[in-house]
C-alpha atoms as a PDB file:
ATOM      1  CA  UNK A   1    -102.517  52.439  49.108  1.00  0.00           C
ATOM      2  CA  UNK A   2     -99.520  52.167  51.421  1.00  0.00           C
ATOM      3  CA  UNK A   3     -97.164  55.140  51.474  1.00  0.00           C
ATOM      4  CA  UNK A   4     -93.815  54.088  49.925  1.00  0.00           C
ATOM      5  CA  UNK A   5     -92.102  56.368  52.440  1.00  0.00           C
ATOM      6  CA  UNK A   6     -93.355  54.340  55.392  1.00  0.00           C
ATOM      7  CA  UNK A   7     -90.724  52.009  56.863  1.00  0.00           C
ATOM      8  CA  UNK A   8     -91.671  48.444  56.043  1.00  0.00           C
ATOM      9  CA  UNK A   9     -90.056  46.818  59.071  1.00  0.00           C
ATOM     10  CA  UNK A  10     -91.765  46.645  62.455  1.00  0.00           C
ATOM     11  CA  UNK A  11     -89.822  48.892  64.831  1.00  0.00           C
ATOM     12  CA  UNK A  12     -87.834  47.052  67.510  1.00  0.00           C
ATOM     13  CA  UNK A  13     -88.815  48.519  70.873  1.00  0.00           C
ATOM     14  CA  UNK A  14     -85.837  48.870  73.235  1.00  0.00           C
ATOM     15  CA  UNK A  15     -88.237  49.062  76.158  1.00  0.00           C
ATOM     16  CA  UNK A  16     -89.567  45.618  75.331  1.00  0.00           C
ATOM     17  CA  UNK A  17     -86.182  44.080  74.538  1.00  0.00           C
ATOM     18  CA  UNK A  18     -83.264  45.087  76.790  1.00  0.00           C
ATOM     19  CA  UNK A  19     -80.692  43.832  74.292  1.00  0.00           C
ATOM     20  CA  UNK A  20     -78.704  46.555  72.477  1.00  0.00           C
ATOM     21  CA  UNK A  21     -79.919  47.501  69.001  1.00  0.00           C
ATOM     22  CA  UNK A  22     -77.590  47.028  66.020  1.00  0.00           C
ATOM     23  CA  UNK A  23     -78.231  47.823  62.375  1.00  0.00           C
ATOM     24  CA  UNK A  24     -77.481  45.131  59.804  1.00  0.00           C
ATOM     25  CA  UNK A  25     -76.303  47.108  56.794  1.00  0.00           C
ATOM     26  CA  UNK A  26     -76.242  44.887  53.717  1.00  0.00           C
ATOM     27  CA  UNK A  27     -77.016  44.661  50.048  1.00  0.00           C
ATOM     28  CA  UNK A  28     -80.206  42.834  48.932  1.00  0.00           C
ATOM     29  CA  UNK A  29     -78.224  39.848  47.687  1.00  0.00           C
ATOM     30  CA  UNK A  30     -79.660  36.336  48.132  1.00  0.00           C
ATOM     31  CA  UNK A  31     -77.605  33.658  49.831  1.00  0.00           C
ATOM     32  CA  UNK A  32     -75.820  35.857  52.361  1.00  0.00           C
ATOM     33  CA  UNK A  33     -74.893  34.223  55.646  1.00  0.00           C
ATOM     34  CA  UNK A  34     -77.375  34.297  58.508  1.00  0.00           C
ATOM     35  CA  UNK A  35     -77.070  36.831  61.294  1.00  0.00           C
ATOM     36  CA  UNK A  36     -78.853  34.609  63.788  1.00  0.00           C
ATOM     37  CA  UNK A  37     -75.666  34.159  65.817  1.00  0.00           C
ATOM     38  CA  UNK A  38     -75.962  37.838  66.779  1.00  0.00           C
ATOM     39  CA  UNK A  39     -79.605  37.665  67.850  1.00  0.00           C
ATOM     40  CA  UNK A  40     -78.843  36.049  71.195  1.00  0.00           C
ATOM     41  CA  UNK A  41     -76.987  39.187  72.225  1.00  0.00           C
ATOM     42  CA  UNK A  42     -78.581  42.024  70.229  1.00  0.00           C
ATOM     43  CA  UNK A  43     -81.828  43.269  68.787  1.00  0.00           C
ATOM     44  CA  UNK A  44     -81.280  43.208  65.018  1.00  0.00           C
ATOM     45  CA  UNK A  45     -82.579  45.922  62.736  1.00  0.00           C
ATOM     46  CA  UNK A  46     -82.358  44.505  59.192  1.00  0.00           C
ATOM     47  CA  UNK A  47     -84.245  46.899  56.883  1.00  0.00           C
ATOM     48  CA  UNK A  48     -83.035  45.215  53.687  1.00  0.00           C
ATOM     49  CA  UNK A  49     -85.067  42.109  54.569  1.00  0.00           C
ATOM     50  CA  UNK A  50     -88.208  44.250  54.188  1.00  0.00           C
ATOM     51  CA  UNK A  51     -87.436  47.036  51.716  1.00  0.00           C
ATOM     52  CA  UNK A  52     -85.065  45.289  49.297  1.00  0.00           C
ATOM     53  CA  UNK A  53     -83.649  47.716  46.747  1.00  0.00           C
ATOM     54  CA  UNK A  54     -85.828  50.678  47.826  1.00  0.00           C
ATOM     55  CA  UNK A  55     -83.165  53.078  49.067  1.00  0.00           C
ATOM     56  CA  UNK A  56     -85.604  55.769  50.195  1.00  0.00           C
ATOM     57  CA  UNK A  57     -87.574  53.284  52.291  1.00  0.00           C
ATOM     58  CA  UNK A  58     -84.261  52.041  53.681  1.00  0.00           C
ATOM     59  CA  UNK A  59     -83.244  55.538  54.743  1.00  0.00           C
ATOM     60  CA  UNK A  60     -86.678  56.190  56.237  1.00  0.00           C
ATOM     61  CA  UNK A  61     -86.270  53.075  58.376  1.00  0.00           C
ATOM     62  CA  UNK A  62     -82.876  54.314  59.581  1.00  0.00           C
ATOM     63  CA  UNK A  63     -84.294  57.736  60.448  1.00  0.00           C
ATOM     64  CA  UNK A  64     -87.097  56.109  62.408  1.00  0.00           C
ATOM     65  CA  UNK A  65     -84.487  54.358  64.582  1.00  0.00           C
ATOM     66  CA  UNK A  66     -81.831  57.079  64.482  1.00  0.00           C
ATOM     67  CA  UNK A  67     -81.691  57.658  68.227  1.00  0.00           C
ATOM     68  CA  UNK A  68     -81.284  53.964  69.010  1.00  0.00           C
ATOM     69  CA  UNK A  69     -78.605  52.881  66.530  1.00  0.00           C
ATOM     70  CA  UNK A  70     -75.122  53.201  68.011  1.00  0.00           C
ATOM     71  CA  UNK A  71     -73.525  50.277  66.165  1.00  0.00           C
ATOM     72  CA  UNK A  72     -73.709  48.964  62.596  1.00  0.00           C
ATOM     73  CA  UNK A  73     -72.690  45.572  61.290  1.00  0.00           C
ATOM     74  CA  UNK A  74     -71.597  46.199  57.700  1.00  0.00           C
ATOM     75  CA  UNK A  75     -72.036  42.945  55.807  1.00  0.00           C
ATOM     76  CA  UNK A  76     -69.796  42.015  52.901  1.00  0.00           C
ATOM     77  CA  UNK A  77     -68.758  44.950  50.743  1.00  0.00           C
ATOM     78  CA  UNK A  78     -71.989  46.920  51.196  1.00  0.00           C
ATOM     79  CA  UNK A  79     -71.149  50.594  50.575  1.00  0.00           C
ATOM     80  CA  UNK A  80     -71.458  52.710  53.706  1.00  0.00           C
ATOM     81  CA  UNK A  81     -71.237  56.346  52.702  1.00  0.00           C
ATOM     82  CA  UNK A  82     -72.154  59.791  53.953  1.00  0.00           C
ATOM     83  CA  UNK A  83     -75.767  59.498  52.808  1.00  0.00           C
ATOM     84  CA  UNK A  84     -76.307  56.522  55.110  1.00  0.00           C
ATOM     85  CA  UNK A  85     -74.278  57.988  57.958  1.00  0.00           C
ATOM     86  CA  UNK A  86     -76.389  61.160  57.787  1.00  0.00           C
ATOM     87  CA  UNK A  87     -79.380  59.043  58.839  1.00  0.00           C
ATOM     88  CA  UNK A  88     -77.571  57.769  61.938  1.00  0.00           C
ATOM     89  CA  UNK A  89     -76.500  60.734  64.096  1.00  0.00           C
ATOM     90  CA  UNK A  90     -75.920  58.558  67.192  1.00  0.00           C
ATOM     91  CA  UNK A  91     -73.710  56.005  65.436  1.00  0.00           C
ATOM     92  CA  UNK A  92     -70.404  55.341  67.201  1.00  0.00           C
ATOM     93  CA  UNK A  93     -69.138  52.020  65.823  1.00  0.00           C
ATOM     94  CA  UNK A  94     -69.025  50.307  62.419  1.00  0.00           C
ATOM     95  CA  UNK A  95     -68.157  46.622  62.543  1.00  0.00           C
ATOM     96  CA  UNK A  96     -66.965  45.445  59.136  1.00  0.00           C
ATOM     97  CA  UNK A  97     -67.105  41.866  57.902  1.00  0.00           C
ATOM     98  CA  UNK A  98     -64.135  42.096  55.537  1.00  0.00           C
ATOM     99  CA  UNK A  99     -60.448  42.892  55.828  1.00  0.00           C
ATOM    100  CA  UNK A 100     -60.604  45.784  53.361  1.00  0.00           C
ATOM    101  CA  UNK A 101     -62.595  48.893  54.251  1.00  0.00           C
ATOM    102  CA  UNK A 102     -62.604  50.715  50.914  1.00  0.00           C
ATOM    103  CA  UNK A 103     -66.425  50.416  50.792  1.00  0.00           C
ATOM    104  CA  UNK A 104     -66.725  52.447  54.002  1.00  0.00           C
ATOM    105  CA  UNK A 105     -66.326  56.235  54.015  1.00  0.00           C
ATOM    106  CA  UNK A 106     -63.392  56.245  56.424  1.00  0.00           C
ATOM    107  CA  UNK A 107     -62.858  60.000  56.211  1.00  0.00           C
ATOM    108  CA  UNK A 108     -66.462  60.674  57.186  1.00  0.00           C
ATOM    109  CA  UNK A 109     -66.263  58.173  60.041  1.00  0.00           C
ATOM    110  CA  UNK A 110     -63.102  59.874  61.287  1.00  0.00           C
ATOM    111  CA  UNK A 111     -64.792  63.278  61.114  1.00  0.00           C
ATOM    112  CA  UNK A 112     -67.759  62.010  63.136  1.00  0.00           C
ATOM    113  CA  UNK A 113     -65.667  60.130  65.707  1.00  0.00           C
ATOM    114  CA  UNK A 114     -67.005  56.720  64.624  1.00  0.00           C
ATOM    115  CA  UNK A 115     -64.787  53.717  65.311  1.00  0.00           C
ATOM    116  CA  UNK A 116     -64.379  51.187  62.474  1.00  0.00           C
ATOM    117  CA  UNK A 117     -63.295  47.567  62.747  1.00  0.00           C
ATOM    118  CA  UNK A 118     -62.393  44.978  60.135  1.00  0.00           C
ATOM    119  CA  UNK A 119     -61.925  41.226  60.336  1.00  0.00           C
ATOM    120  CA  UNK A 120     -58.378  41.424  61.648  1.00  0.00           C
ATOM    121  CA  UNK A 121     -56.694  38.017  61.306  1.00  0.00           C
ATOM    122  CA  UNK A 122     -59.900  36.044  60.743  1.00  0.00           C
ATOM    123  CA  UNK A 123     -59.235  35.400  57.047  1.00  0.00           C
ATOM    124  CA  UNK A 124     -55.455  35.617  56.993  1.00  0.00           C
ATOM    125  CA  UNK A 125     -54.479  31.943  56.906  1.00  0.00           C
ATOM    126  CA  UNK A 126     -56.995  30.929  54.261  1.00  0.00           C
ATOM    127  CA  UNK A 127     -56.239  33.916  52.025  1.00  0.00           C
ATOM    128  CA  UNK A 128     -52.497  33.229  52.326  1.00  0.00           C
ATOM    129  CA  UNK A 129     -53.095  29.583  51.376  1.00  0.00           C
ATOM    130  CA  UNK A 130     -55.155  30.721  48.420  1.00  0.00           C
ATOM    131  CA  UNK A 131     -52.523  33.163  47.188  1.00  0.00           C
ATOM    132  CA  UNK A 132     -49.917  30.384  47.145  1.00  0.00           C
ATOM    133  CA  UNK A 133     -52.417  28.096  45.417  1.00  0.00           C
ATOM    134  CA  UNK A 134     -53.045  30.649  42.669  1.00  0.00           C
ATOM    135  CA  UNK A 135     -49.314  31.130  42.220  1.00  0.00           C
ATOM    136  CA  UNK A 136     -48.645  27.397  41.938  1.00  0.00           C
ATOM    137  CA  UNK A 137     -51.498  27.004  39.478  1.00  0.00           C
ATOM    138  CA  UNK A 138     -50.227  29.813  37.231  1.00  0.00           C
ATOM    139  CA  UNK A 139     -46.632  28.572  37.247  1.00  0.00           C
ATOM    140  CA  UNK A 140     -47.339  24.844  36.940  1.00  0.00           C
ATOM    141  CA  UNK A 141     -50.384  25.191  34.689  1.00  0.00           C
ATOM    142  CA  UNK A 142     -52.554  22.911  36.824  1.00  0.00           C
ATOM    143  CA  UNK A 143     -55.933  24.282  35.724  1.00  0.00           C
ATOM    144  CA  UNK A 144     -54.802  24.388  32.094  1.00  0.00           C
ATOM    145  CA  UNK A 145     -53.618  20.767  32.337  1.00  0.00           C
ATOM    146  CA  UNK A 146     -56.935  19.754  33.861  1.00  0.00           C
ATOM    147  CA  UNK A 147     -58.810  21.327  30.947  1.00  0.00           C
ATOM    148  CA  UNK A 148     -56.405  19.613  28.520  1.00  0.00           C
ATOM    149  CA  UNK A 149     -57.181  16.168  29.949  1.00  0.00           C
ATOM    150  CA  UNK A 150     -60.939  16.735  30.260  1.00  0.00           C
ATOM    151  CA  UNK A 151     -61.115  17.868  26.630  1.00  0.00           C
ATOM    152  CA  UNK A 152     -59.643  14.540  25.517  1.00  0.00           C
ATOM    153  CA  UNK A 153     -56.605  16.265  24.057  1.00  0.00           C
ATOM    154  CA  UNK A 154     -53.945  14.090  25.686  1.00  0.00           C
ATOM    155  CA  UNK A 155     -54.189  11.130  23.250  1.00  0.00           C
ATOM    156  CA  UNK A 156     -54.360  13.521  20.299  1.00  0.00           C
ATOM    157  CA  UNK A 157     -51.633  15.981  21.307  1.00  0.00           C
ATOM    158  CA  UNK A 158     -49.213  14.227  23.668  1.00  0.00           C
ATOM    159  CA  UNK A 159     -46.857  17.232  23.741  1.00  0.00           C
ATOM    160  CA  UNK A 160     -47.705  19.115  26.926  1.00  0.00           C
ATOM    161  CA  UNK A 161     -46.313  22.654  27.261  1.00  0.00           C
ATOM    162  CA  UNK A 162     -43.552  23.068  29.803  1.00  0.00           C
ATOM    163  CA  UNK A 163     -44.524  24.726  33.071  1.00  0.00           C
ATOM    164  CA  UNK A 164     -42.396  26.730  35.479  1.00  0.00           C
ATOM    165  CA  UNK A 165     -40.973  25.896  38.889  1.00  0.00           C
ATOM    166  CA  UNK A 166     -41.768  27.875  42.022  1.00  0.00           C
ATOM    167  CA  UNK A 167     -38.538  26.829  43.687  1.00  0.00           C
ATOM    168  CA  UNK A 168     -36.040  29.661  44.241  1.00  0.00           C
ATOM    169  CA  UNK A 169     -38.234  32.297  42.627  1.00  0.00           C
ATOM    170  CA  UNK A 170     -37.873  35.918  43.751  1.00  0.00           C
ATOM    171  CA  UNK A 171     -41.193  36.957  45.262  1.00  0.00           C
ATOM    172  CA  UNK A 172     -42.235  40.508  46.039  1.00  0.00           C
ATOM    173  CA  UNK A 173     -45.085  40.972  48.482  1.00  0.00           C
ATOM    174  CA  UNK A 174     -47.071  44.187  48.342  1.00  0.00           C
ATOM    175  CA  UNK A 175     -48.437  44.738  51.833  1.00  0.00           C
ATOM    176  CA  UNK A 176     -46.621  42.723  54.492  1.00  0.00           C
ATOM    177  CA  UNK A 177     -49.442  42.750  56.999  1.00  0.00           C
ATOM    178  CA  UNK A 178     -51.349  39.839  58.474  1.00  0.00           C
ATOM    179  CA  UNK A 179     -51.933  38.151  55.102  1.00  0.00           C
ATOM    180  CA  UNK A 180     -48.686  39.154  53.403  1.00  0.00           C
ATOM    181  CA  UNK A 181     -46.513  37.907  56.254  1.00  0.00           C
ATOM    182  CA  UNK A 182     -48.290  34.547  56.158  1.00  0.00           C
ATOM    183  CA  UNK A 183     -47.737  34.307  52.399  1.00  0.00           C
ATOM    184  CA  UNK A 184     -44.023  34.890  52.976  1.00  0.00           C
ATOM    185  CA  UNK A 185     -43.823  32.140  55.601  1.00  0.00           C
ATOM    186  CA  UNK A 186     -45.516  29.684  53.245  1.00  0.00           C
ATOM    187  CA  UNK A 187     -43.100  30.451  50.406  1.00  0.00           C
ATOM    188  CA  UNK A 188     -39.865  30.177  52.396  1.00  0.00           C
ATOM    189  CA  UNK A 189     -39.955  26.321  52.329  1.00  0.00           C
ATOM    190  CA  UNK A 190     -40.061  26.505  48.513  1.00  0.00           C
ATOM    191  CA  UNK A 191     -36.679  28.188  48.609  1.00  0.00           C
ATOM    192  CA  UNK A 192     -38.136  31.505  47.459  1.00  0.00           C
ATOM    193  CA  UNK A 193     -36.388  34.753  48.296  1.00  0.00           C
ATOM    194  CA  UNK A 194     -38.805  37.301  49.749  1.00  0.00           C
ATOM    195  CA  UNK A 195     -38.825  41.081  49.475  1.00  0.00           C
ATOM    196  CA  UNK A 196     -41.624  43.515  50.210  1.00  0.00           C
ATOM    197  CA  UNK A 197     -43.042  46.992  50.051  1.00  0.00           C
ATOM    198  CA  UNK A 198     -45.497  48.404  52.556  1.00  0.00           C
ATOM    199  CA  UNK A 199     -46.637  51.706  54.009  1.00  0.00           C
ATOM    200  CA  UNK A 200     -43.590  51.638  56.234  1.00  0.00           C
ATOM    201  CA  UNK A 201     -40.566  49.444  56.818  1.00  0.00           C
ATOM    202  CA  UNK A 202     -40.769  47.134  59.804  1.00  0.00           C
ATOM    203  CA  UNK A 203     -37.482  46.813  61.731  1.00  0.00           C
ATOM    204  CA  UNK A 204     -38.436  43.315  62.922  1.00  0.00           C
ATOM    205  CA  UNK A 205     -38.916  41.918  59.390  1.00  0.00           C
ATOM    206  CA  UNK A 206     -35.894  40.078  57.943  1.00  0.00           C
ATOM    207  CA  UNK A 207     -36.838  40.587  54.281  1.00  0.00           C
ATOM    208  CA  UNK A 208     -35.458  43.376  52.069  1.00  0.00           C
ATOM    209  CA  UNK A 209     -37.693  46.443  51.901  1.00  0.00           C
ATOM    210  CA  UNK A 210     -38.331  48.537  48.778  1.00  0.00           C
ATOM    211  CA  UNK A 211     -39.780  52.013  49.021  1.00  0.00           C
ATOM    212  CA  UNK A 212     -41.926  51.681  45.886  1.00  0.00           C
ATOM    213  CA  UNK A 213     -43.742  48.847  44.166  1.00  0.00           C
ATOM    214  CA  UNK A 214     -41.932  49.764  40.946  1.00  0.00           C
ATOM    215  CA  UNK A 215     -38.529  49.205  42.531  1.00  0.00           C
ATOM    216  CA  UNK A 216     -39.790  45.937  44.018  1.00  0.00           C
ATOM    217  CA  UNK A 217     -41.001  44.758  40.601  1.00  0.00           C
ATOM    218  CA  UNK A 218     -37.593  45.431  39.078  1.00  0.00           C
ATOM    219  CA  UNK A 219     -36.003  42.922  41.468  1.00  0.00           C
ATOM    220  CA  UNK A 220     -38.606  40.132  41.561  1.00  0.00           C
ATOM    221  CA  UNK A 221     -40.157  37.454  39.361  1.00  0.00           C
ATOM    222  CA  UNK A 222     -43.535  37.515  41.094  1.00  0.00           C
ATOM    223  CA  UNK A 223     -45.669  40.197  42.722  1.00  0.00           C
ATOM    224  CA  UNK A 224     -48.343  39.140  45.231  1.00  0.00           C
ATOM    225  CA  UNK A 225     -50.819  41.863  46.188  1.00  0.00           C
ATOM    226  CA  UNK A 226     -52.039  41.655  49.788  1.00  0.00           C
ATOM    227  CA  UNK A 227     -52.604  45.320  50.624  1.00  0.00           C
ATOM    228  CA  UNK A 228     -55.789  47.306  51.100  1.00  0.00           C
ATOM    229  CA  UNK A 229     -57.340  49.563  48.477  1.00  0.00           C
ATOM    230  CA  UNK A 230     -57.014  53.260  49.235  1.00  0.00           C
ATOM    231  CA  UNK A 231     -56.693  56.432  47.192  1.00  0.00           C
ATOM    232  CA  UNK A 232     -52.932  55.950  47.375  1.00  0.00           C
ATOM    233  CA  UNK A 233     -52.948  52.290  46.261  1.00  0.00           C
ATOM    234  CA  UNK A 234     -55.582  52.594  43.528  1.00  0.00           C
ATOM    235  CA  UNK A 235     -54.033  51.418  40.223  1.00  0.00           C
ATOM    236  CA  UNK A 236     -50.633  51.096  41.881  1.00  0.00           C
ATOM    237  CA  UNK A 237     -49.946  48.222  39.455  1.00  0.00           C
ATOM    238  CA  UNK A 238     -49.738  50.311  36.322  1.00  0.00           C
ATOM    239  CA  UNK A 239     -47.909  50.255  33.002  1.00  0.00           C
ATOM    240  CA  UNK A 240     -44.540  51.101  34.563  1.00  0.00           C
ATOM    241  CA  UNK A 241     -44.805  48.406  37.232  1.00  0.00           C
ATOM    242  CA  UNK A 242     -45.892  45.693  34.786  1.00  0.00           C
ATOM    243  CA  UNK A 243     -43.105  46.683  32.423  1.00  0.00           C
ATOM    244  CA  UNK A 244     -40.647  46.375  35.313  1.00  0.00           C
ATOM    245  CA  UNK A 245     -42.044  42.946  36.228  1.00  0.00           C
ATOM    246  CA  UNK A 246     -41.461  41.831  32.652  1.00  0.00           C
ATOM    247  CA  UNK A 247     -42.757  39.299  30.171  1.00  0.00           C
ATOM    248  CA  UNK A 248     -41.879  36.359  32.439  1.00  0.00           C
ATOM    249  CA  UNK A 249     -43.278  37.988  35.535  1.00  0.00           C
ATOM    250  CA  UNK A 250     -46.363  36.750  37.366  1.00  0.00           C
ATOM    251  CA  UNK A 251     -48.956  38.862  39.175  1.00  0.00           C
ATOM    252  CA  UNK A 252     -51.154  37.421  41.952  1.00  0.00           C
ATOM    253  CA  UNK A 253     -53.950  39.536  43.424  1.00  0.00           C
ATOM    254  CA  UNK A 254     -55.853  38.551  46.569  1.00  0.00           C
ATOM    255  CA  UNK A 255     -56.287  42.166  47.703  1.00  0.00           C
ATOM    256  CA  UNK A 256     -58.722  44.272  45.697  1.00  0.00           C
ATOM    257  CA  UNK A 257     -59.278  44.548  41.962  1.00  0.00           C
ATOM    258  CA  UNK A 258     -58.750  48.303  42.012  1.00  0.00           C
ATOM    259  CA  UNK A 259     -55.107  47.865  43.000  1.00  0.00           C
ATOM    260  CA  UNK A 260     -54.429  47.003  39.352  1.00  0.00           C
ATOM    261  CA  UNK A 261     -55.041  49.022  36.213  1.00  0.00           C
ATOM    262  CA  UNK A 262     -57.096  46.152  34.844  1.00  0.00           C
ATOM    263  CA  UNK A 263     -57.320  47.389  31.262  1.00  0.00           C
ATOM    264  CA  UNK A 264     -53.531  47.666  31.104  1.00  0.00           C
ATOM    265  CA  UNK A 265     -53.071  44.268  32.719  1.00  0.00           C
ATOM    266  CA  UNK A 266     -55.349  42.680  30.113  1.00  0.00           C
ATOM    267  CA  UNK A 267     -53.351  44.333  27.338  1.00  0.00           C
ATOM    268  CA  UNK A 268     -50.036  43.145  28.809  1.00  0.00           C
ATOM    269  CA  UNK A 269     -51.315  39.572  29.143  1.00  0.00           C
ATOM    270  CA  UNK A 270     -52.866  39.423  25.661  1.00  0.00           C
ATOM    271  CA  UNK A 271     -49.705  40.858  24.092  1.00  0.00           C
ATOM    272  CA  UNK A 272     -47.426  38.483  26.007  1.00  0.00           C
ATOM    273  CA  UNK A 273     -45.753  41.285  27.932  1.00  0.00           C
ATOM    274  CA  UNK A 274     -46.641  39.690  31.273  1.00  0.00           C
ATOM    275  CA  UNK A 275     -45.992  36.029  32.028  1.00  0.00           C
ATOM    276  CA  UNK A 276     -49.206  35.204  33.879  1.00  0.00           C
ATOM    277  CA  UNK A 277     -51.706  36.190  36.539  1.00  0.00           C
ATOM    278  CA  UNK A 278     -53.618  34.596  39.395  1.00  0.00           C
ATOM    279  CA  UNK A 279     -56.673  36.708  40.144  1.00  0.00           C
ATOM    280  CA  UNK A 280     -59.267  36.308  42.876  1.00  0.00           C
ATOM    281  CA  UNK A 281     -60.439  39.927  42.651  1.00  0.00           C
ATOM    282  CA  UNK A 282     -61.414  42.236  39.801  1.00  0.00           C
ATOM    283  CA  UNK A 283     -62.015  45.911  39.284  1.00  0.00           C
ATOM    284  CA  UNK A 284     -65.715  45.689  38.370  1.00  0.00           C
ATOM    285  CA  UNK A 285     -66.977  42.534  40.063  1.00  0.00           C
ATOM    286  CA  UNK A 286     -68.698  40.344  39.069  1.00  0.00           C
ATOM    287  CA  UNK A 287     -67.757  41.466  35.554  1.00  0.00           C
ATOM    288  CA  UNK A 288     -64.477  39.990  34.309  1.00  0.00           C
ATOM    289  CA  UNK A 289     -62.696  41.029  31.080  1.00  0.00           C
ATOM    290  CA  UNK A 290     -63.609  38.415  28.467  1.00  0.00           C
ATOM    291  CA  UNK A 291     -60.163  38.687  26.892  1.00  0.00           C
ATOM    292  CA  UNK A 292     -58.818  36.700  29.846  1.00  0.00           C
ATOM    293  CA  UNK A 293     -61.071  33.680  29.313  1.00  0.00           C
ATOM    294  CA  UNK A 294     -58.928  32.046  26.646  1.00  0.00           C
ATOM    295  CA  UNK A 295     -55.549  32.611  28.315  1.00  0.00           C
ATOM    296  CA  UNK A 296     -54.069  29.465  29.877  1.00  0.00           C
ATOM    297  CA  UNK A 297     -51.543  31.508  31.845  1.00  0.00           C
ATOM    298  CA  UNK A 298     -54.337  33.255  33.767  1.00  0.00           C
ATOM    299  CA  UNK A 299     -56.099  31.571  36.693  1.00  0.00           C
ATOM    300  CA  UNK A 300     -59.260  33.251  37.988  1.00  0.00           C
ATOM    301  CA  UNK A 301     -61.758  32.764  40.797  1.00  0.00           C
ATOM    302  CA  UNK A 302     -64.841  34.718  41.958  1.00  0.00           C
ATOM    303  CA  UNK A 303     -63.471  36.534  45.031  1.00  0.00           C
ATOM    304  CA  UNK A 304     -63.581  33.368  47.124  1.00  0.00           C
ATOM    305  CA  UNK A 305     -60.237  33.250  48.920  1.00  0.00           C
ATOM    306  CA  UNK A 306     -61.932  33.715  52.303  1.00  0.00           C
ATOM    307  CA  UNK A 307     -64.751  31.228  51.726  1.00  0.00           C
ATOM    308  CA  UNK A 308     -64.047  28.334  54.056  1.00  0.00           C
ATOM    309  CA  UNK A 309     -66.110  27.238  57.068  1.00  0.00           C
ATOM    310  CA  UNK A 310     -63.123  27.981  59.284  1.00  0.00           C
ATOM    311  CA  UNK A 311     -62.765  31.552  58.042  1.00  0.00           C
ATOM    312  CA  UNK A 312     -66.490  32.246  58.261  1.00  0.00           C
ATOM    313  CA  UNK A 313     -66.617  30.997  61.848  1.00  0.00           C
ATOM    314  CA  UNK A 314     -63.605  33.131  62.735  1.00  0.00           C
ATOM    315  CA  UNK A 315     -65.332  36.113  61.093  1.00  0.00           C
ATOM    316  CA  UNK A 316     -68.488  35.558  63.145  1.00  0.00           C
ATOM    317  CA  UNK A 317     -66.415  35.325  66.319  1.00  0.00           C
ATOM    318  CA  UNK A 318     -64.547  38.532  65.474  1.00  0.00           C
ATOM    319  CA  UNK A 319     -67.698  40.497  64.638  1.00  0.00           C
ATOM    320  CA  UNK A 320     -69.450  39.331  67.790  1.00  0.00           C
ATOM    321  CA  UNK A 321     -66.376  40.071  69.882  1.00  0.00           C
ATOM    322  CA  UNK A 322     -66.150  43.617  68.506  1.00  0.00           C
ATOM    323  CA  UNK A 323     -69.830  44.323  69.142  1.00  0.00           C
ATOM    324  CA  UNK A 324     -69.734  42.930  72.680  1.00  0.00           C
ATOM    325  CA  UNK A 325     -66.596  44.957  73.398  1.00  0.00           C
ATOM    326  CA  UNK A 326     -68.204  48.151  72.094  1.00  0.00           C
ATOM    327  CA  UNK A 327     -71.316  47.854  74.234  1.00  0.00           C
ATOM    328  CA  UNK A 328     -69.207  46.912  77.274  1.00  0.00           C
ATOM    329  CA  UNK A 329     -66.973  49.967  76.734  1.00  0.00           C
ATOM    330  CA  UNK A 330     -63.956  47.722  76.275  1.00  0.00           C
ATOM    331  CA  UNK A 331     -61.193  47.967  73.616  1.00  0.00           C
ATOM    332  CA  UNK A 332     -62.328  46.746  70.206  1.00  0.00           C
ATOM    333  CA  UNK A 333     -60.688  43.550  68.964  1.00  0.00           C
ATOM    334  CA  UNK A 334     -59.729  44.758  65.498  1.00  0.00           C
ATOM    335  CA  UNK A 335     -60.137  48.518  65.264  1.00  0.00           C
ATOM    336  CA  UNK A 336     -58.457  50.096  62.249  1.00  0.00           C
ATOM    337  CA  UNK A 337     -56.419  53.277  62.370  1.00  0.00           C
ATOM    338  CA  UNK A 338     -58.447  56.115  60.890  1.00  0.00           C
ATOM    339  CA  UNK A 339     -55.489  58.458  60.330  1.00  0.00           C
END
């Protein structure tokens, strides 16, 4: 009987293939995008294709190639923690396939001198479009109206609830980075006034800056979350912030689910203490609070803001560019600050 500790994948031999070796670190989830575009430039080590959910076999495969793996492509939101890094003592670069890096142990990478990249601007335009789309849907009740018509309710109940205008709304953006700044530009033509909070104030930004998200919520009708999830931003949208936003306020989240105290948000929405929400991300994906299903003032989607052919091609180009730069000892295209 085969030993379960034996790596299941044939070992790439660097002496036979002069292309640099990279590890594809991913979850055993069907339907993930192909990595073939990388194979013209690199030898791919993809243990998950052979060992599936067997974590011990996965780690054994990493140990067997420990001396040859200097770069990892971290697919999706696959957790990359100390236990995996311990198997890769020669690792020097982690190339992420998302904008957020909360699934990567950044502190451990910093301690080991490992560079980390994200997707940079690859997703920014499509996520900004999506954030505005969610906001319009919540305010104008487009999805709710669609359900109303499809259910055959229009001839029976001709009174359609009034919706709300986006024009001249006060919008607060949490995280005025690549995505947040694009959201702001898209909302200016609607006559919206923009304010923001971020890790630091930018002197080149013309919008009012607030030092806390609570103070921003006090002065806006809408909060749009575009920031990354860190220890500091976890549950930053809490009871106090939602109270400040008020019963007519709208929350849009295209960042990470953990930015919001989800249980409190559900309570506020069910009790009518928050005007509405547009949510592409959730705290315990793919599980979504069932209390939200019946609320017409809540628009939800399954973490798909980035899913367009254009964004996916840009992501492939960014990942490839980062890997080529690393092995050529050139500056990485989208390295994140590890401080």
